[in-house]
Amino acid sequence: MPTAYYDDSTGIVHTVASRLATIKEFDAYMPQVTELLARSQARHGCALHLVEASDNPIQEKSAFAHMSDATKAQAHLSVRCAVVLSSALARMQIRRMPQSAEREFFGSVAEATTWLLGPQHRAALA
């Protein structure tokens, strides 16, 4: 099941997804992450979301369709999302998800964090 937490020191919401999630697990995760993203957006002007999914395989078609539909409920949020992912197929799948703001892919958490907190973030908020 994906888990999410808010980092008080940076205001970044971290999601860790290390395996396939069932629809039930994803539905339990969504209200939690939506609340955390709203908290990050209140702090930064846009939500900063770091998704650690390096070991996550591609999702089954029906589960992916459900997840895509569920993320549309977050359209009211402005989200800057950094995804740490090693699978090219999983990247292609994630690129098909609805996008409410910027999304970039990275090879490490450090690179993703630097991008989220970097000068382009500060410029976007100006």
Protein backbone atom coordinates (compact mmCIF):
# COMPACT_ATOMS: atom_id res chain seq x y z
CA MET A 1 0.00 0.00 0.00
CA PRO A 2 1.32 3.48 -0.74
CA THR A 3 2.09 5.52 2.35
CA ALA A 4 2.39 9.27 2.63
CA TYR A 5 3.82 11.68 5.16
CA TYR A 6 4.51 15.40 5.42
CA ASP A 7 8.08 16.53 6.04
CA ASP A 8 7.82 19.52 8.41
CA SER A 9 11.34 20.72 7.61
CA THR A 10 10.75 21.08 3.84
CA GLY A 11 6.98 21.08 3.39
CA ILE A 12 7.31 18.21 0.92
CA VAL A 13 4.76 15.41 0.87
CA HIS A 14 6.52 12.06 0.47
CA THR A 15 4.73 9.06 -0.97
CA VAL A 16 6.40 5.67 -0.85
CA ALA A 17 5.00 3.06 -3.23
CA SER A 18 7.06 -0.10 -3.26
CA ARG A 19 4.63 -2.62 -4.72
CA LEU A 20 1.35 -2.91 -6.58
CA ALA A 21 -1.54 -1.42 -4.66
CA THR A 22 -5.04 -2.80 -4.68
CA ILE A 23 -7.90 -0.46 -5.48
CA LYS A 24 -9.00 -0.67 -1.84
CA GLU A 25 -5.51 0.29 -0.63
CA PHE A 26 -5.31 3.17 -3.10
CA ASP A 27 -8.74 4.44 -2.01
CA ALA A 28 -7.57 4.44 1.62
CA TYR A 29 -4.42 6.39 0.63
CA MET A 30 -6.10 9.12 -1.44
CA PRO A 31 -7.82 11.14 1.33
CA GLN A 32 -4.61 11.10 3.39
CA VAL A 33 -2.37 12.31 0.57
CA THR A 34 -4.91 14.90 -0.58
CA GLU A 35 -4.94 16.42 2.91
CA LEU A 36 -1.14 16.47 3.03
CA LEU A 37 -0.90 18.06 -0.43
CA ALA A 38 -3.30 20.80 0.66
CA ARG A 39 -1.04 21.45 3.66
CA SER A 40 2.02 21.69 1.38
CA GLN A 41 0.18 24.00 -1.01
CA ALA A 42 -0.80 26.29 1.88
CA ARG A 43 2.87 26.55 2.82
CA HIS A 44 4.47 26.91 -0.61
CA GLY A 45 1.72 28.21 -2.89
CA CYS A 46 1.80 24.90 -4.72
CA ALA A 47 2.01 21.39 -3.32
CA LEU A 48 5.43 19.73 -3.44
CA HIS A 49 5.06 15.96 -3.85
CA LEU A 50 7.93 13.48 -3.96
CA VAL A 51 6.89 9.97 -5.02
CA GLU A 52 9.41 7.24 -4.25
CA ALA A 53 8.46 4.36 -6.55
CA SER A 54 11.79 2.96 -7.68
CA ASP A 55 10.77 -0.64 -7.13
CA ASN A 56 7.15 -0.24 -8.17
CA PRO A 57 6.12 -2.31 -11.19
CA ILE A 58 3.52 -1.17 -13.70
CA GLN A 59 -0.05 -1.35 -12.45
CA GLU A 60 -2.72 -3.66 -13.83
CA LYS A 61 -4.91 -1.93 -16.41
CA SER A 62 -8.09 -1.82 -14.28
CA ALA A 63 -6.23 -0.60 -11.18
CA PHE A 64 -4.41 2.06 -13.21
CA ALA A 65 -7.69 3.30 -14.71
CA HIS A 66 -9.17 3.58 -11.22
CA MET A 67 -6.11 5.44 -9.92
CA SER A 68 -6.21 7.87 -12.85
CA ASP A 69 -9.86 8.64 -12.21
CA ALA A 70 -9.26 9.05 -8.46
CA THR A 71 -6.42 11.55 -8.98
CA LYS A 72 -8.77 13.82 -10.95
CA ALA A 73 -10.29 14.71 -7.57
CA GLN A 74 -7.04 16.55 -6.79
CA ALA A 75 -7.47 18.89 -9.77
CA HIS A 76 -8.13 21.82 -7.42
CA LEU A 77 -4.56 21.51 -6.13
CA SER A 78 -1.52 22.94 -7.85
CA VAL A 79 1.05 20.16 -7.58
CA ARG A 80 4.73 19.98 -8.44
CA CYS A 81 5.51 16.25 -8.49
CA ALA A 82 8.95 14.63 -8.55
CA VAL A 83 8.82 10.88 -9.22
CA VAL A 84 11.76 8.59 -8.41
CA LEU A 85 11.28 5.64 -10.73
CA SER A 86 13.63 3.29 -12.53
CA SER A 87 11.27 1.39 -14.86
CA ALA A 88 10.81 2.92 -18.31
CA LEU A 89 7.47 1.12 -18.68
CA ALA A 90 6.23 2.50 -15.36
CA ARG A 91 7.29 6.01 -16.47
CA MET A 92 5.26 5.63 -19.65
CA GLN A 93 2.26 4.53 -17.60
CA ILE A 94 2.55 7.43 -15.15
CA ARG A 95 2.83 9.92 -18.02
CA ARG A 96 -0.71 8.87 -19.02
CA MET A 97 -2.13 9.95 -15.64
CA PRO A 98 -3.96 13.27 -15.39
CA GLN A 99 -1.59 16.07 -14.60
CA SER A 100 -2.62 19.13 -12.61
CA ALA A 101 0.84 20.71 -12.68
CA GLU A 102 4.48 19.88 -13.31
CA ARG A 103 5.83 16.35 -13.12
CA GLU A 104 9.43 15.23 -13.63
CA PHE A 105 11.20 11.89 -13.23
CA PHE A 106 14.43 11.33 -11.32
CA GLY A 107 16.87 8.56 -10.48
CA SER A 108 17.28 9.46 -6.81
CA VAL A 109 15.45 11.09 -3.91
CA ALA A 110 18.25 13.67 -3.60
CA GLU A 111 17.81 14.81 -7.23
CA ALA A 112 14.03 14.94 -6.81
CA THR A 113 14.28 17.00 -3.61
CA THR A 114 16.72 19.44 -5.22
CA TRP A 115 14.33 19.96 -8.13
CA LEU A 116 11.33 20.46 -5.83
CA LEU A 117 13.12 23.03 -3.66
CA GLY A 118 15.34 24.52 -6.35
CA PRO A 119 15.35 27.95 -7.97
CA GLN A 120 12.68 26.99 -10.52
CA HIS A 121 10.32 26.36 -7.58
CA ARG A 122 11.04 29.75 -6.10
CA ALA A 123 10.54 31.38 -9.53
CA ALA A 124 7.20 29.60 -10.00
CA LEU A 125 5.99 31.02 -6.69
CA ALA A 126 7.10 34.58 -7.44
